[in-house]
């Protein structure tokens, strides 16, 4: 009888051994929600070295801020472990209960970041790992005088010659803040006067843009002479227009921080914390800066003037940047966006 069932028994043992072996060999998978740009450099400098260091696999979900955040909200976190978000969207995610509190003891590299980057939304949430800067790009060959101030964009000489970011972009609310400053009021206290001041600029505005590529195209086609824009758009404009100049206005440029957080419900929180710690390490931040992928926020990163070209680098510059009250913007976003859209309905 035993001989009759021996082949079945041996096959069963063989199959079980394969299953158990596969289970032992299976690697942890870290699912990261992020943007799709510079993916090849991110794999080279961050993702692949992390996989090798911690014997795990990384899977990406890519898209813009709003699309990815909406997916996480609809799935109540679901499979995503780590999420990259611009600070306004990170605040939205936190307020929506989508972000897990983290254990900072597992992320010691946070202490090496600039103070403004350590806890942009509170000690219990993730740090900023890089920032982008909003200033003014203009074509020096298409203006009568060099631009020095945000307020110069209101000058009559720029009629039909300026493009500004749409309100529903990371950069858009800064224009309303500067309109309030030009009017001599606080945006939170007197939005009506800020909008009235912004309307005085309307004759100068050819178009509201939503993508940085639109800015480069408008400069290349001679449609505009100036545009408030993020620093990462400058090199594309410079490639298209020889006279392109980057300006940090005398009132200051604006900083927008990009953050790393852990999605609530992640089954891999400890590995996710290791990833955040690795992403903000001096080693990774230096590599990313050298490849012009991201401006470093780790204070131990040391760059020469040539290496820092095009990046927001160094304590003096970072500490001089204006910030945006995203609580105020998010609380009023729908009403202000509708008002903005009515004003700039072309």
Protein backbone atom coordinates (compact mmCIF):
# COMPACT_ATOMS: atom_id res chain seq x y z
CA UNK A 1 0.00 0.00 0.00
CA UNK A 2 2.79 2.41 0.91
CA UNK A 3 4.55 1.76 -2.40
CA UNK A 4 1.30 2.64 -4.18
CA UNK A 5 1.17 6.13 -2.66
CA UNK A 6 4.92 6.78 -2.53
CA UNK A 7 5.08 8.73 -5.85
CA UNK A 8 2.21 11.00 -4.74
CA UNK A 9 3.89 11.51 -1.37
CA UNK A 10 7.21 12.42 -3.00
CA UNK A 11 5.54 14.82 -5.44
CA UNK A 12 3.72 16.52 -2.55
CA UNK A 13 6.96 16.92 -0.61
CA UNK A 14 8.68 18.32 -3.70
CA UNK A 15 5.92 20.87 -4.34
CA UNK A 16 5.84 21.94 -0.70
CA UNK A 17 9.61 22.40 -0.67
CA UNK A 18 9.37 24.69 -3.72
CA UNK A 19 6.56 26.73 -2.14
CA UNK A 20 8.41 27.08 1.16
CA UNK A 21 11.65 27.92 -0.61
CA UNK A 22 9.88 30.62 -2.65
CA UNK A 23 8.35 32.08 0.49
CA UNK A 24 11.76 32.27 2.14
CA UNK A 25 13.32 33.82 -0.96
CA UNK A 26 10.50 36.35 -1.57
CA UNK A 27 11.74 39.88 -1.12
CA UNK A 28 9.87 42.70 0.54
CA UNK A 29 8.27 45.01 -2.00
CA UNK A 30 8.14 48.74 -1.35
CA UNK A 31 5.51 50.57 -3.42
CA UNK A 32 6.37 54.21 -4.02
CA UNK A 33 3.99 56.83 -5.42
CA UNK A 34 5.99 59.50 -7.22
CA UNK A 35 6.37 61.72 -10.26
CA UNK A 36 7.61 60.21 -13.49
CA UNK A 37 10.37 62.68 -14.32
CA UNK A 38 14.09 61.80 -14.23
CA UNK A 39 13.17 58.20 -13.55
CA UNK A 40 16.41 56.85 -15.04
CA UNK A 41 18.52 59.00 -12.70
CA UNK A 42 16.37 58.12 -9.71
CA UNK A 43 16.86 54.42 -10.41
CA UNK A 44 20.61 54.97 -10.75
CA UNK A 45 21.09 57.13 -7.65
CA UNK A 46 18.35 56.00 -5.29
CA UNK A 47 16.04 53.10 -6.11
CA UNK A 48 18.51 50.47 -7.32
CA UNK A 49 21.13 51.14 -4.61
CA UNK A 50 18.37 50.95 -1.98
CA UNK A 51 17.14 47.63 -3.39
CA UNK A 52 20.67 46.23 -3.19
CA UNK A 53 21.36 47.64 0.28
CA UNK A 54 18.15 46.28 1.85
CA UNK A 55 17.51 43.23 -0.38
CA UNK A 56 14.06 44.41 -1.43
CA UNK A 57 12.16 45.37 -4.56
CA UNK A 58 10.76 48.79 -5.43
CA UNK A 59 7.62 49.28 -7.49
CA UNK A 60 6.56 52.72 -8.71
CA UNK A 61 3.17 54.33 -9.22
CA UNK A 62 3.73 57.51 -11.22
CA UNK A 63 1.60 60.56 -11.96
CA UNK A 64 1.04 64.15 -10.90
CA UNK A 65 0.27 65.20 -7.33
CA UNK A 66 -3.52 65.36 -7.58
CA UNK A 67 -3.97 62.12 -9.54
CA UNK A 68 -1.79 60.09 -7.19
CA UNK A 69 -3.30 61.58 -4.05
CA UNK A 70 -6.82 60.90 -5.30
CA UNK A 71 -5.87 57.26 -5.94
CA UNK A 72 -4.58 56.91 -2.40
CA UNK A 73 -7.76 58.49 -1.02
CA UNK A 74 -10.04 56.23 -3.08
CA UNK A 75 -8.13 53.09 -2.05
CA UNK A 76 -7.68 54.24 1.54
CA UNK A 77 -3.92 53.88 1.14
CA UNK A 78 -4.10 50.30 -0.09
CA UNK A 79 -0.83 49.14 -1.63
CA UNK A 80 1.21 52.37 -1.50
CA UNK A 81 3.91 52.59 1.16
CA UNK A 82 5.78 55.85 0.45
CA UNK A 83 4.39 58.91 -1.29
CA UNK A 84 6.21 61.89 -2.78
CA UNK A 85 4.09 65.06 -2.68
CA UNK A 86 4.53 68.80 -3.00
CA UNK A 87 3.90 70.42 0.37
CA UNK A 88 0.36 71.67 -0.34
CA UNK A 89 -0.75 68.19 -1.39
CA UNK A 90 1.05 66.61 1.56
CA UNK A 91 -0.92 68.88 3.87
CA UNK A 92 -4.13 67.82 2.13
CA UNK A 93 -3.17 64.16 2.58
CA UNK A 94 -2.44 64.70 6.27
CA UNK A 95 -5.72 66.53 6.85
CA UNK A 96 -7.53 63.70 5.04
CA UNK A 97 -6.04 61.11 7.39
CA UNK A 98 -3.98 59.42 4.68
CA UNK A 99 -0.51 59.83 6.23
CA UNK A 100 1.00 57.67 8.96
CA UNK A 101 2.96 59.04 11.88
CA UNK A 102 6.58 57.98 11.66
CA UNK A 103 9.28 56.97 14.11
CA UNK A 104 12.03 59.56 13.79
CA UNK A 105 14.44 57.32 15.65
CA UNK A 106 14.52 55.25 12.45
CA UNK A 107 15.30 58.31 10.32
CA UNK A 108 18.42 59.85 11.92
CA UNK A 109 19.34 61.74 8.74
CA UNK A 110 16.48 64.14 9.45
CA UNK A 111 18.80 65.87 11.92
CA UNK A 112 21.19 66.68 9.06
CA UNK A 113 18.55 68.63 7.11
CA UNK A 114 18.12 72.39 7.11
CA UNK A 115 15.71 73.38 9.92
CA UNK A 116 12.95 74.37 7.47
CA UNK A 117 13.03 70.86 5.97
CA UNK A 118 12.93 68.76 9.12
CA UNK A 119 9.22 68.97 9.90
CA UNK A 120 7.29 71.05 7.36
CA UNK A 121 3.98 69.62 8.64
CA UNK A 122 4.89 68.64 12.18
CA UNK A 123 7.32 66.32 13.93
CA UNK A 124 5.11 63.27 13.46
CA UNK A 125 5.17 63.48 9.66
CA UNK A 126 7.79 63.20 6.97
CA UNK A 127 10.52 65.68 6.02
CA UNK A 128 11.12 67.71 2.90
CA UNK A 129 13.84 66.16 0.75
CA UNK A 130 14.21 68.93 -1.84
CA UNK A 131 12.76 72.26 -2.86
CA UNK A 132 12.00 74.17 -6.00
CA UNK A 133 12.20 77.93 -6.26
CA UNK A 134 9.73 80.34 -7.84
CA UNK A 135 11.24 83.47 -9.36
CA UNK A 136 10.98 85.35 -12.65
CA UNK A 137 12.33 84.34 -16.03
CA UNK A 138 12.59 87.11 -18.60
CA UNK A 139 14.14 87.74 -22.00
CA UNK A 140 16.61 90.58 -21.54
CA UNK A 141 16.52 91.22 -25.30
CA UNK A 142 12.77 91.84 -25.20
CA UNK A 143 12.50 94.31 -22.29
CA UNK A 144 13.33 98.01 -22.07
CA UNK A 145 14.90 97.72 -18.61
CA UNK A 146 16.03 94.81 -16.42
CA UNK A 147 13.34 93.46 -14.11
CA UNK A 148 14.15 93.81 -10.41
CA UNK A 149 10.85 93.31 -8.57
CA UNK A 150 7.71 91.22 -8.66
CA UNK A 151 5.87 94.50 -8.98
CA UNK A 152 7.58 95.27 -12.31
CA UNK A 153 5.25 92.72 -13.91
CA UNK A 154 2.41 95.21 -13.40
CA UNK A 155 4.18 97.87 -15.50
CA UNK A 156 2.35 99.06 -18.60
CA UNK A 157 5.41 98.23 -20.71
CA UNK A 158 4.53 94.54 -20.27
CA UNK A 159 1.06 94.79 -21.81
CA UNK A 160 0.21 91.48 -23.54
CA UNK A 161 3.71 90.24 -22.77
CA UNK A 162 3.51 88.18 -19.55
CA UNK A 163 2.32 84.69 -18.67
CA UNK A 164 1.55 83.71 -15.08
CA UNK A 165 0.97 80.28 -13.50
CA UNK A 166 -2.61 79.14 -13.15
CA UNK A 167 -3.98 79.32 -9.62
CA UNK A 168 -4.41 75.55 -9.50
CA UNK A 169 -0.66 74.96 -9.78
CA UNK A 170 2.05 74.90 -7.15
CA UNK A 171 3.23 78.36 -8.21
CA UNK A 172 -0.12 80.08 -8.77
CA UNK A 173 -0.99 81.20 -5.23
CA UNK A 174 2.30 83.13 -4.97
CA UNK A 175 0.96 85.64 -7.50
CA UNK A 176 -2.02 86.35 -5.26
CA UNK A 177 0.32 86.77 -2.30
CA UNK A 178 2.42 89.29 -4.23
CA UNK A 179 -0.73 91.13 -5.35
CA UNK A 180 -1.68 91.46 -1.68
CA UNK A 181 1.80 92.74 -0.84
CA UNK A 182 1.65 95.26 -3.68
CA UNK A 183 -1.71 96.44 -2.34
CA UNK A 184 -0.24 96.75 1.16
CA UNK A 185 -2.58 94.19 2.75
CA UNK A 186 -2.43 90.70 4.23
CA UNK A 187 -4.03 88.11 1.96
CA UNK A 188 -5.74 86.37 4.88
CA UNK A 189 -7.34 89.62 6.05
CA UNK A 190 -8.22 91.27 2.75
CA UNK A 191 -8.43 88.90 -0.22
CA UNK A 192 -10.78 91.31 -2.02
CA UNK A 193 -8.09 93.96 -2.27
CA UNK A 194 -5.53 91.36 -3.35
CA UNK A 195 -7.79 90.26 -6.21
CA UNK A 196 -8.45 93.88 -7.14
CA UNK A 197 -4.69 94.45 -7.38
CA UNK A 198 -4.22 91.30 -9.42
CA UNK A 199 -6.89 92.47 -11.84
CA UNK A 200 -4.77 95.55 -12.58
CA UNK A 201 -2.24 93.15 -14.06
CA UNK A 202 -4.76 91.45 -16.35
CA UNK A 203 -3.94 93.56 -19.42
CA UNK A 204 -0.36 92.31 -19.26
CA UNK A 205 -1.25 88.62 -19.03
CA UNK A 206 -1.39 86.74 -22.32
CA UNK A 207 -2.17 83.39 -20.75
CA UNK A 208 -2.28 81.42 -17.53
CA UNK A 209 -0.04 78.37 -17.93
CA UNK A 210 -0.28 75.00 -16.22
CA UNK A 211 2.90 73.31 -17.51
CA UNK A 212 6.49 74.52 -17.52
CA UNK A 213 6.84 73.35 -21.12
CA UNK A 214 4.22 75.96 -22.07
CA UNK A 215 6.50 78.68 -20.69
CA UNK A 216 9.42 77.60 -22.86
CA UNK A 217 7.19 77.43 -25.93
CA UNK A 218 5.78 80.92 -25.38
CA UNK A 219 9.27 82.39 -24.95
CA UNK A 220 10.52 80.55 -28.04
CA UNK A 221 7.63 81.89 -30.14
CA UNK A 222 8.10 85.46 -28.91
CA UNK A 223 4.66 85.54 -27.27
CA UNK A 224 5.98 86.72 -23.91
CA UNK A 225 8.92 88.59 -22.44
CA UNK A 226 8.52 87.52 -18.81
CA UNK A 227 6.95 84.83 -16.65
CA UNK A 228 7.02 83.85 -12.99
CA UNK A 229 8.24 80.25 -13.08
CA UNK A 230 9.88 77.45 -11.13
CA UNK A 231 13.65 77.20 -11.37
CA UNK A 232 13.58 73.81 -13.10
CA UNK A 233 11.93 75.49 -16.12
CA UNK A 234 14.80 77.93 -16.65
CA UNK A 235 17.21 75.68 -18.53
CA UNK A 236 14.49 74.69 -21.00
CA UNK A 237 13.75 78.37 -21.62
CA UNK A 238 17.47 79.15 -21.87
CA UNK A 239 17.84 76.48 -24.56
CA UNK A 240 15.08 78.19 -26.54
CA UNK A 241 15.98 81.85 -25.94
CA UNK A 242 19.57 83.13 -25.76
CA UNK A 243 18.56 86.22 -23.79
CA UNK A 244 16.77 84.31 -21.01
CA UNK A 245 17.68 85.49 -17.50
CA UNK A 246 16.73 84.08 -14.09
CA UNK A 247 15.78 86.65 -11.45
CA UNK A 248 15.43 86.31 -7.70
CA UNK A 249 13.20 89.39 -7.18
CA UNK A 250 14.19 91.93 -4.55
CA UNK A 251 11.18 90.90 -2.41
CA UNK A 252 12.49 87.33 -2.49
CA UNK A 253 11.76 84.17 -4.43
CA UNK A 254 9.31 81.57 -3.11
CA UNK A 255 10.25 78.11 -1.88
CA UNK A 256 8.08 75.08 -2.45
CA UNK A 257 9.17 71.96 -0.63
CA UNK A 258 8.67 68.42 -1.87
CA UNK A 259 8.04 65.91 0.89
CA UNK A 260 8.36 62.21 1.66
CA UNK A 261 5.68 60.54 3.75
CA UNK A 262 4.43 57.09 4.66
CA UNK A 263 0.87 56.18 3.70
CA UNK A 264 -1.33 55.10 6.60
CA UNK A 265 -1.91 51.35 6.53
CA UNK A 266 1.43 50.48 4.96
CA UNK A 267 2.55 46.94 5.74
CA UNK A 268 6.17 48.01 5.33
CA UNK A 269 6.51 51.00 7.63
CA UNK A 270 9.97 50.11 8.92
CA UNK A 271 11.31 49.60 5.38
CA UNK A 272 9.58 52.82 4.32
CA UNK A 273 11.36 54.69 7.11
CA UNK A 274 14.67 53.23 5.94
CA UNK A 275 13.88 54.49 2.44
CA UNK A 276 13.20 58.03 3.64
CA UNK A 277 16.40 57.98 5.69
CA UNK A 278 18.36 56.81 2.64
CA UNK A 279 16.76 59.37 0.31
CA UNK A 280 17.84 62.28 2.53
CA UNK A 281 21.33 60.93 3.19
CA UNK A 282 24.38 62.97 2.20
CA UNK A 283 25.40 60.24 -0.26
CA UNK A 284 22.14 60.22 -2.22
CA UNK A 285 21.54 63.96 -2.03
CA UNK A 286 25.02 64.63 -3.40
CA UNK A 287 24.47 62.26 -6.33
CA UNK A 288 21.11 63.86 -7.13
CA UNK A 289 22.62 67.34 -6.98
CA UNK A 290 25.56 66.40 -9.20
CA UNK A 291 23.12 65.07 -11.81
CA UNK A 292 21.00 68.25 -11.49
CA UNK A 293 17.98 66.20 -10.46
CA UNK A 294 17.20 67.90 -7.15
CA UNK A 295 18.45 70.70 -4.93
CA UNK A 296 19.90 69.18 -1.74
CA UNK A 297 18.50 69.85 1.73
CA UNK A 298 21.08 67.79 3.62
CA UNK A 299 23.49 70.29 5.20
CA UNK A 300 26.46 67.95 4.74
CA UNK A 301 26.27 68.13 0.93
CA UNK A 302 29.19 70.21 -0.35
CA UNK A 303 29.15 71.58 -3.91
CA UNK A 304 31.42 73.89 -5.84
CA UNK A 305 29.94 76.98 -7.49
CA UNK A 306 29.91 75.16 -10.83
CA UNK A 307 28.24 72.08 -9.34
CA UNK A 308 25.61 74.24 -7.62
CA UNK A 309 24.71 76.15 -10.80
CA UNK A 310 20.99 75.90 -11.44
CA UNK A 311 20.29 74.49 -7.96
CA UNK A 312 18.91 76.11 -4.83
CA UNK A 313 21.89 75.48 -2.60
CA UNK A 314 23.28 76.79 0.67
CA UNK A 315 21.89 78.09 3.94
CA UNK A 316 21.95 81.77 2.98
CA UNK A 317 19.81 81.29 -0.12
CA UNK A 318 17.45 78.73 1.39
CA UNK A 319 16.82 80.84 4.49
CA UNK A 320 16.09 83.91 2.35
CA UNK A 321 13.18 82.33 0.48
CA UNK A 322 9.55 83.23 1.07
CA UNK A 323 7.14 80.47 2.01
CA UNK A 324 3.44 80.02 1.31
CA UNK A 325 0.82 79.49 4.01
CA UNK A 326 -0.72 76.38 2.49
CA UNK A 327 -3.28 76.07 5.27
CA UNK A 328 -4.68 79.44 4.18
CA UNK A 329 -4.56 78.52 0.48
CA UNK A 330 -6.15 75.09 0.94
CA UNK A 331 -8.92 76.47 3.15
CA UNK A 332 -9.90 78.98 0.46
CA UNK A 333 -8.83 77.06 -2.62
CA UNK A 334 -12.19 76.41 -4.26
CA UNK A 335 -13.57 79.92 -3.79
CA UNK A 336 -10.34 81.65 -4.81
CA UNK A 337 -9.83 79.36 -7.79
CA UNK A 338 -13.32 80.17 -9.11
CA UNK A 339 -12.70 83.87 -8.61
CA UNK A 340 -9.33 83.63 -10.37
CA UNK A 341 -10.84 81.71 -13.29
CA UNK A 342 -13.58 84.30 -13.75
CA UNK A 343 -10.97 87.06 -13.81
CA UNK A 344 -8.77 85.35 -16.40
CA UNK A 345 -11.54 83.91 -18.59
CA UNK A 346 -10.11 84.56 -22.05
